């Protein structure tokens, strides 16, 4: 499957795979707010959308707001390809700093970001308790704190 994966920047006439974005962020309102200004890349296996990354550029740095890969396509390197593609795009735009935040319970994303060269920046205590009404449970752990990472 991995060899057929293509990654291209989102074009306005395409439909946004909201169900895929909801895998990484349970708040539809939050997703809709950052989609408006996001730089979006979509991974496909022929006609099947397999992954998506949304990044917002803020002056001289960018922040990954959402990255998600369809469950049946996980562990095939698609997340790494999306990160590499957005990093390349941002460097061409003159952006040298890429930030991301992930939950303390998000074990796989934390591993993915470290593997892609991100380093721990700081921890925002109780972020998910304040931002989301319902508890988020991942890997049997309640998501409470936001772990911020940066790649220069």
N, C-alpha and C. Protein backbone atom coordinates (compact mmCIF):
# COMPACT_ATOMS: atom_id res chain seq x y z
N UNK A 1 0.81 -1.20 0.00
CA UNK A 1 0.00 0.00 0.00
C UNK A 1 0.85 1.26 0.00
N UNK A 2 1.92 1.28 0.78
CA UNK A 2 2.71 2.48 0.98
C UNK A 2 3.26 3.05 -0.33
N UNK A 3 3.63 2.20 -1.27
CA UNK A 3 4.24 2.66 -2.51
C UNK A 3 3.29 3.47 -3.38
N UNK A 4 1.98 3.30 -3.20
CA UNK A 4 1.00 4.03 -4.00
C UNK A 4 0.61 5.37 -3.39
N UNK A 5 1.14 5.71 -2.24
CA UNK A 5 0.73 6.92 -1.54
C UNK A 5 1.32 8.16 -2.20
N UNK A 6 0.44 9.11 -2.49
CA UNK A 6 0.86 10.41 -3.00
C UNK A 6 0.41 11.48 -2.02
N UNK A 7 1.18 12.55 -1.92
CA UNK A 7 0.82 13.65 -1.02
C UNK A 7 0.83 14.93 -1.82
N UNK A 8 -0.29 15.64 -1.75
CA UNK A 8 -0.43 16.89 -2.49
C UNK A 8 -1.12 17.93 -1.62
N UNK A 9 -0.83 19.19 -1.93
CA UNK A 9 -1.47 20.27 -1.20
C UNK A 9 -2.95 20.31 -1.55
N UNK A 10 -3.77 20.58 -0.56
CA UNK A 10 -5.22 20.66 -0.70
C UNK A 10 -5.60 21.75 -1.69
N UNK A 11 -6.59 21.45 -2.52
CA UNK A 11 -7.13 22.44 -3.46
C UNK A 11 -8.57 22.73 -3.06
N UNK A 12 -8.98 23.98 -3.16
CA UNK A 12 -10.26 24.46 -2.62
C UNK A 12 -11.48 23.66 -3.05
N UNK A 13 -11.46 23.07 -4.24
CA UNK A 13 -12.65 22.34 -4.71
C UNK A 13 -12.76 20.94 -4.10
N UNK A 14 -11.72 20.49 -3.41
CA UNK A 14 -11.75 19.17 -2.79
C UNK A 14 -12.57 19.19 -1.50
N UNK A 15 -13.13 18.04 -1.16
CA UNK A 15 -13.84 17.91 0.10
C UNK A 15 -12.83 17.61 1.21
N UNK A 16 -12.98 18.29 2.33
CA UNK A 16 -12.11 18.06 3.49
C UNK A 16 -12.60 16.80 4.22
N UNK A 17 -11.70 15.85 4.49
CA UNK A 17 -12.11 14.62 5.19
C UNK A 17 -12.25 14.87 6.70
N UNK A 18 -13.38 15.45 7.08
CA UNK A 18 -13.62 15.82 8.48
C UNK A 18 -13.53 14.62 9.42
N UNK A 19 -14.04 13.47 8.98
CA UNK A 19 -14.01 12.27 9.84
C UNK A 19 -12.57 11.87 10.18
N UNK A 20 -11.66 12.14 9.28
CA UNK A 20 -10.24 11.85 9.52
C UNK A 20 -9.66 12.83 10.54
N UNK A 21 -9.99 14.10 10.40
CA UNK A 21 -9.51 15.12 11.33
C UNK A 21 -10.05 14.88 12.74
N UNK A 22 -11.26 14.35 12.83
CA UNK A 22 -11.86 14.07 14.14
C UNK A 22 -11.15 12.94 14.89
N UNK A 23 -10.36 12.13 14.18
CA UNK A 23 -9.57 11.10 14.86
C UNK A 23 -8.51 11.73 15.77
N UNK A 24 -8.02 12.90 15.37
CA UNK A 24 -6.95 13.56 16.12
C UNK A 24 -7.45 14.69 17.01
N UNK A 25 -8.63 15.21 16.72
CA UNK A 25 -9.19 16.32 17.50
C UNK A 25 -10.70 16.09 17.60
N UNK A 26 -11.21 15.81 18.80
CA UNK A 26 -12.63 15.50 18.94
C UNK A 26 -13.58 16.71 18.84
N UNK A 27 -13.03 17.91 18.65
CA UNK A 27 -13.87 19.11 18.59
C UNK A 27 -14.04 19.58 17.15
N UNK A 28 -15.24 19.38 16.61
CA UNK A 28 -15.53 19.84 15.25
C UNK A 28 -15.40 21.35 15.13
N UNK A 29 -15.82 22.07 16.18
CA UNK A 29 -15.72 23.54 16.18
C UNK A 29 -14.26 23.98 16.09
N UNK A 30 -13.41 23.33 16.84
CA UNK A 30 -11.99 23.65 16.82
C UNK A 30 -11.40 23.40 15.42
N UNK A 31 -11.74 22.25 14.85
CA UNK A 31 -11.25 21.90 13.51
C UNK A 31 -11.68 22.95 12.49
N UNK A 32 -12.96 23.30 12.49
CA UNK A 32 -13.47 24.27 11.52
C UNK A 32 -12.79 25.63 11.67
N UNK A 33 -12.40 25.99 12.90
CA UNK A 33 -11.75 27.28 13.11
C UNK A 33 -10.36 27.32 12.48
N UNK A 34 -9.57 26.25 12.59
CA UNK A 34 -8.23 26.31 12.03
C UNK A 34 -8.16 25.90 10.56
N UNK A 35 -9.19 25.24 10.05
CA UNK A 35 -9.20 24.91 8.62
C UNK A 35 -9.22 26.16 7.74
N UNK A 36 -9.86 27.20 8.24
CA UNK A 36 -10.01 28.44 7.47
C UNK A 36 -8.68 29.05 7.08
N UNK A 37 -7.68 28.94 7.94
CA UNK A 37 -6.38 29.57 7.67
C UNK A 37 -5.26 28.56 7.49
N UNK A 38 -5.60 27.28 7.45
CA UNK A 38 -4.59 26.24 7.42
C UNK A 38 -3.98 25.98 6.06
N UNK A 39 -2.73 25.54 6.11
CA UNK A 39 -2.05 24.97 4.94
C UNK A 39 -2.27 23.47 5.08
N UNK A 40 -2.90 22.86 4.08
CA UNK A 40 -3.36 21.48 4.19
C UNK A 40 -2.71 20.61 3.12
N UNK A 41 -2.20 19.46 3.55
CA UNK A 41 -1.71 18.45 2.62
C UNK A 41 -2.50 17.17 2.88
N UNK A 42 -2.84 16.49 1.80
CA UNK A 42 -3.63 15.26 1.88
C UNK A 42 -2.86 14.12 1.23
N UNK A 43 -2.83 12.98 1.94
CA UNK A 43 -2.21 11.76 1.41
C UNK A 43 -3.31 10.89 0.82
N UNK A 44 -2.99 10.28 -0.32
CA UNK A 44 -3.96 9.41 -1.00
C UNK A 44 -3.30 8.12 -1.46
N UNK A 45 -4.10 7.09 -1.46
CA UNK A 45 -3.77 5.82 -2.11
C UNK A 45 -4.76 5.72 -3.26
N UNK A 46 -4.32 6.13 -4.44
CA UNK A 46 -5.21 6.29 -5.61
C UNK A 46 -6.31 7.28 -5.25
N UNK A 47 -7.57 6.85 -5.18
CA UNK A 47 -8.67 7.77 -4.88
C UNK A 47 -9.06 7.78 -3.41
N UNK A 48 -8.38 7.02 -2.57
CA UNK A 48 -8.73 6.93 -1.15
C UNK A 48 -7.87 7.91 -0.35
N UNK A 49 -8.54 8.80 0.40
CA UNK A 49 -7.82 9.71 1.29
C UNK A 49 -7.33 8.89 2.47
N UNK A 50 -6.03 8.90 2.68
CA UNK A 50 -5.43 8.07 3.74
C UNK A 50 -4.89 8.89 4.91
N UNK A 51 -4.60 10.17 4.68
CA UNK A 51 -4.03 10.99 5.74
C UNK A 51 -4.16 12.47 5.43
N UNK A 52 -4.00 13.28 6.47
CA UNK A 52 -4.11 14.73 6.32
C UNK A 52 -3.26 15.42 7.38
N UNK A 53 -2.73 16.57 7.00
CA UNK A 53 -2.01 17.42 7.96
C UNK A 53 -2.47 18.86 7.72
N UNK A 54 -2.74 19.57 8.82
CA UNK A 54 -3.16 20.97 8.76
C UNK A 54 -2.17 21.77 9.60
N UNK A 55 -1.60 22.79 8.99
CA UNK A 55 -0.61 23.65 9.65
C UNK A 55 -1.01 25.10 9.48
N UNK A 56 -0.81 25.89 10.51
CA UNK A 56 -1.08 27.32 10.44
C UNK A 56 0.25 28.06 10.53
N UNK A 57 0.43 29.02 9.63
CA UNK A 57 1.64 29.84 9.63
C UNK A 57 1.34 31.13 10.40
N UNK A 58 2.21 31.42 11.36
CA UNK A 58 2.10 32.64 12.17
C UNK A 58 3.44 33.36 12.10
N UNK A 59 3.49 34.40 11.33
CA UNK A 59 4.70 35.18 11.05
C UNK A 59 5.86 34.28 10.64
N UNK A 60 6.86 34.06 11.50
CA UNK A 60 8.05 33.32 11.09
C UNK A 60 8.06 31.86 11.57
N UNK A 61 6.92 31.38 12.08
CA UNK A 61 6.86 29.99 12.50
C UNK A 61 5.51 29.38 12.12
N UNK A 62 5.44 28.08 12.19
CA UNK A 62 4.20 27.37 11.85
C UNK A 62 3.88 26.39 12.96
N UNK A 63 2.59 26.07 13.07
CA UNK A 63 2.15 25.11 14.07
C UNK A 63 1.28 24.05 13.42
N UNK A 64 1.59 22.79 13.70
CA UNK A 64 0.75 21.70 13.23
C UNK A 64 -0.49 21.67 14.11
N UNK A 65 -1.65 21.82 13.49
CA UNK A 65 -2.90 21.82 14.23
C UNK A 65 -3.53 20.44 14.26
N UNK A 66 -3.28 19.65 13.21
CA UNK A 66 -3.89 18.32 13.13
C UNK A 66 -3.09 17.48 12.14
N UNK A 67 -2.86 16.26 12.52
CA UNK A 67 -2.30 15.27 11.61
C UNK A 67 -3.00 13.96 11.94
N UNK A 68 -3.50 13.32 10.90
CA UNK A 68 -4.24 12.10 11.12
C UNK A 68 -4.09 11.17 9.93
N UNK A 69 -4.03 9.89 10.24
CA UNK A 69 -3.93 8.85 9.21
C UNK A 69 -5.06 7.84 9.44
N UNK A 70 -5.74 7.49 8.37
CA UNK A 70 -6.83 6.52 8.44
C UNK A 70 -6.33 5.25 9.12
N UNK A 71 -7.13 4.70 10.03
CA UNK A 71 -6.71 3.56 10.85
C UNK A 71 -6.14 2.41 10.02
N UNK A 72 -6.76 2.08 8.90
CA UNK A 72 -6.28 0.96 8.08
C UNK A 72 -4.97 1.26 7.36
N UNK A 73 -4.52 2.51 7.41
CA UNK A 73 -3.27 2.90 6.75
C UNK A 73 -2.19 3.31 7.75
N UNK A 74 -2.46 3.14 9.03
CA UNK A 74 -1.47 3.51 10.03
C UNK A 74 -0.30 2.53 10.04
N UNK A 75 0.83 2.99 10.51
CA UNK A 75 2.08 2.21 10.60
C UNK A 75 2.66 1.86 9.23
N UNK A 76 2.38 2.69 8.25
CA UNK A 76 2.94 2.50 6.91
C UNK A 76 3.87 3.66 6.51
N UNK A 77 4.13 4.57 7.44
CA UNK A 77 5.02 5.69 7.15
C UNK A 77 4.32 6.91 6.58
N UNK A 78 2.99 6.90 6.53
CA UNK A 78 2.26 8.03 5.94
C UNK A 78 2.40 9.29 6.81
N UNK A 79 2.33 9.13 8.13
CA UNK A 79 2.52 10.27 9.02
C UNK A 79 3.88 10.92 8.81
N UNK A 80 4.93 10.08 8.70
CA UNK A 80 6.28 10.60 8.44
C UNK A 80 6.33 11.35 7.11
N UNK A 81 5.67 10.79 6.09
CA UNK A 81 5.66 11.45 4.77
C UNK A 81 4.93 12.79 4.83
N UNK A 82 3.82 12.84 5.57
CA UNK A 82 3.10 14.11 5.71
C UNK A 82 3.96 15.15 6.41
N UNK A 83 4.64 14.74 7.48
CA UNK A 83 5.53 15.66 8.20
C UNK A 83 6.68 16.14 7.31
N UNK A 84 7.25 15.24 6.54
CA UNK A 84 8.35 15.61 5.64
C UNK A 84 7.87 16.58 4.57
N UNK A 85 6.70 16.34 4.02
CA UNK A 85 6.15 17.19 2.96
C UNK A 85 5.84 18.59 3.48
N UNK A 86 5.21 18.68 4.65
CA UNK A 86 4.89 20.01 5.18
C UNK A 86 6.17 20.74 5.59
N UNK A 87 7.15 20.02 6.13
CA UNK A 87 8.42 20.65 6.50
C UNK A 87 9.11 21.23 5.27
N UNK A 88 9.13 20.48 4.19
CA UNK A 88 9.73 20.94 2.93
C UNK A 88 8.99 22.18 2.41
N UNK A 89 7.67 22.12 2.41
CA UNK A 89 6.86 23.24 1.95
C UNK A 89 7.14 24.50 2.78
N UNK A 90 7.17 24.34 4.09
CA UNK A 90 7.39 25.49 4.98
C UNK A 90 8.78 26.09 4.80
N UNK A 91 9.79 25.25 4.61
CA UNK A 91 11.14 25.76 4.37
C UNK A 91 11.18 26.59 3.09
N UNK A 92 10.47 26.13 2.06
CA UNK A 92 10.39 26.89 0.81
C UNK A 92 9.67 28.22 1.00
N UNK A 93 8.80 28.30 2.00
CA UNK A 93 8.08 29.54 2.32
C UNK A 93 8.88 30.43 3.27
N UNK A 94 10.05 29.99 3.68
CA UNK A 94 10.90 30.78 4.57
C UNK A 94 10.62 30.55 6.05
N UNK A 95 9.82 29.55 6.37
CA UNK A 95 9.50 29.24 7.77
C UNK A 95 10.56 28.27 8.29
N UNK A 96 11.19 28.62 9.39
CA UNK A 96 12.27 27.80 9.92
C UNK A 96 11.92 27.07 11.21
N UNK A 97 10.78 27.39 11.82
CA UNK A 97 10.41 26.78 13.09
C UNK A 97 9.02 26.16 12.96
N UNK A 98 8.92 24.87 13.29
CA UNK A 98 7.66 24.15 13.23
C UNK A 98 7.33 23.63 14.62
N UNK A 99 6.16 23.99 15.12
CA UNK A 99 5.74 23.61 16.46
C UNK A 99 4.56 22.65 16.39
N UNK A 100 4.41 21.86 17.45
CA UNK A 100 3.27 20.96 17.55
C UNK A 100 2.98 20.72 19.02
N UNK A 101 1.73 20.49 19.33
CA UNK A 101 1.33 20.12 20.68
C UNK A 101 0.60 18.79 20.62
N UNK A 102 0.87 17.93 21.57
CA UNK A 102 0.19 16.64 21.63
C UNK A 102 -0.12 16.31 23.08
N UNK A 103 -1.09 15.45 23.27
CA UNK A 103 -1.51 15.11 24.61
C UNK A 103 -0.54 14.18 25.32
N UNK A 104 -0.54 14.26 26.64
CA UNK A 104 0.33 13.39 27.44
C UNK A 104 0.00 11.91 27.24
N UNK A 105 -1.21 11.62 26.77
CA UNK A 105 -1.62 10.24 26.55
C UNK A 105 -1.44 9.79 25.10
N UNK A 106 -0.98 10.69 24.24
CA UNK A 106 -0.83 10.41 22.81
C UNK A 106 0.54 9.79 22.53
N UNK A 107 0.68 8.55 22.89
CA UNK A 107 1.97 7.86 22.83
C UNK A 107 2.50 7.75 21.41
N UNK A 108 1.67 7.33 20.47
CA UNK A 108 2.12 7.16 19.08
C UNK A 108 2.51 8.50 18.44
N UNK A 109 1.67 9.54 18.55
CA UNK A 109 2.10 10.83 18.00
C UNK A 109 3.39 11.36 18.63
N UNK A 110 3.55 11.19 19.94
CA UNK A 110 4.77 11.64 20.61
C UNK A 110 5.99 10.95 20.01
N UNK A 111 5.88 9.66 19.77
CA UNK A 111 6.94 8.89 19.13
C UNK A 111 7.18 9.39 17.69
N UNK A 112 6.10 9.60 16.94
CA UNK A 112 6.19 10.06 15.56
C UNK A 112 6.94 11.39 15.47
N UNK A 113 6.60 12.34 16.34
CA UNK A 113 7.24 13.65 16.30
C UNK A 113 8.72 13.57 16.66
N UNK A 114 9.04 12.77 17.67
CA UNK A 114 10.45 12.63 18.04
C UNK A 114 11.25 12.01 16.89
N UNK A 115 10.67 11.01 16.26
CA UNK A 115 11.33 10.34 15.13
C UNK A 115 11.56 11.32 13.97
N UNK A 116 10.67 12.31 13.85
CA UNK A 116 10.78 13.31 12.78
C UNK A 116 11.68 14.48 13.16
N UNK A 117 12.30 14.43 14.35
CA UNK A 117 13.26 15.47 14.73
C UNK A 117 12.72 16.54 15.65
N UNK A 118 11.50 16.40 16.15
CA UNK A 118 10.96 17.37 17.09
C UNK A 118 11.57 17.14 18.46
N UNK A 119 11.73 18.23 19.21
CA UNK A 119 12.27 18.18 20.58
C UNK A 119 11.26 18.79 21.53
N UNK A 120 11.25 18.30 22.75
CA UNK A 120 10.35 18.81 23.78
C UNK A 120 10.64 20.29 24.05
N UNK A 121 9.60 21.10 24.07
CA UNK A 121 9.73 22.52 24.34
C UNK A 121 9.24 22.84 25.76
N UNK A 122 7.97 22.53 26.02
CA UNK A 122 7.40 22.76 27.35
C UNK A 122 6.09 21.99 27.50
N UNK A 123 5.58 21.95 28.72
CA UNK A 123 4.32 21.26 29.00
C UNK A 123 3.32 22.28 29.52
N UNK A 124 2.12 22.25 28.95
CA UNK A 124 1.04 23.12 29.38
C UNK A 124 0.09 22.28 30.23
N UNK A 125 0.16 22.50 31.53
CA UNK A 125 -0.61 21.70 32.49
C UNK A 125 -2.12 21.95 32.34
N UNK A 126 -2.89 20.86 32.45
CA UNK A 126 -4.36 20.88 32.46
C UNK A 126 -5.01 21.42 31.19
N UNK A 127 -4.28 21.51 30.09
CA UNK A 127 -4.81 22.06 28.84
C UNK A 127 -6.10 21.36 28.40
N UNK A 128 -6.08 20.04 28.37
CA UNK A 128 -7.23 19.30 27.86
C UNK A 128 -8.40 19.31 28.84
N UNK A 129 -8.14 19.50 30.12
CA UNK A 129 -9.21 19.62 31.10
C UNK A 129 -9.96 20.94 30.90
N UNK A 130 -9.23 21.98 30.52
CA UNK A 130 -9.83 23.30 30.33
C UNK A 130 -10.51 23.44 28.96
N UNK A 131 -9.93 22.83 27.93
CA UNK A 131 -10.41 23.04 26.56
C UNK A 131 -11.58 22.14 26.16
N UNK A 132 -11.63 20.93 26.66
CA UNK A 132 -12.66 19.97 26.25
C UNK A 132 -13.59 19.64 27.40
N UNK A 133 -14.88 19.61 27.09
CA UNK A 133 -15.89 19.34 28.11
C UNK A 133 -15.86 17.88 28.57
N UNK A 134 -15.68 16.96 27.63
CA UNK A 134 -15.65 15.54 27.95
C UNK A 134 -14.20 15.07 28.10
N UNK A 135 -13.96 14.16 29.04
CA UNK A 135 -12.60 13.61 29.18
C UNK A 135 -12.17 12.87 27.91
N UNK A 136 -10.90 13.00 27.58
CA UNK A 136 -10.32 12.28 26.44
C UNK A 136 -9.46 11.17 27.04
N UNK A 137 -9.73 9.94 26.66
CA UNK A 137 -8.97 8.79 27.14
C UNK A 137 -8.28 8.14 25.94
N UNK A 138 -6.96 8.02 26.01
CA UNK A 138 -6.18 7.36 24.97
C UNK A 138 -5.25 6.36 25.64
N UNK A 139 -5.19 5.17 25.08
CA UNK A 139 -4.27 4.16 25.62
C UNK A 139 -4.51 3.91 27.11
N UNK A 140 -5.76 4.06 27.56
CA UNK A 140 -6.10 3.85 28.96
C UNK A 140 -5.64 4.97 29.88
N UNK A 141 -5.21 6.11 29.31
CA UNK A 141 -4.69 7.24 30.08
C UNK A 141 -5.55 8.46 29.77
N UNK A 142 -5.92 9.22 30.80
CA UNK A 142 -6.66 10.46 30.53
C UNK A 142 -5.70 11.51 29.99
N UNK A 143 -6.13 12.14 28.91
CA UNK A 143 -5.36 13.23 28.30
C UNK A 143 -5.61 14.49 29.12
N UNK A 144 -4.58 14.97 29.78
CA UNK A 144 -4.69 16.11 30.69
C UNK A 144 -3.79 17.27 30.23
N UNK A 145 -2.51 16.99 30.03
CA UNK A 145 -1.53 18.03 29.72
C UNK A 145 -1.16 18.05 28.24
N UNK A 146 -0.84 19.22 27.73
CA UNK A 146 -0.36 19.39 26.36
C UNK A 146 1.17 19.40 26.38
N UNK A 147 1.76 18.51 25.59
CA UNK A 147 3.22 18.47 25.44
C UNK A 147 3.56 19.24 24.16
N UNK A 148 4.29 20.34 24.30
CA UNK A 148 4.67 21.15 23.15
C UNK A 148 6.06 20.72 22.68
N UNK A 149 6.18 20.61 21.36
CA UNK A 149 7.45 20.21 20.75
C UNK A 149 7.78 21.17 19.62
N UNK A 150 9.06 21.24 19.27
CA UNK A 150 9.49 22.14 18.22
C UNK A 150 10.57 21.47 17.37
N UNK A 151 10.53 21.83 16.10
CA UNK A 151 11.57 21.37 15.16
C UNK A 151 12.11 22.61 14.47
N UNK A 152 13.42 22.79 14.53
CA UNK A 152 14.02 23.98 13.91
C UNK A 152 14.58 23.65 12.55
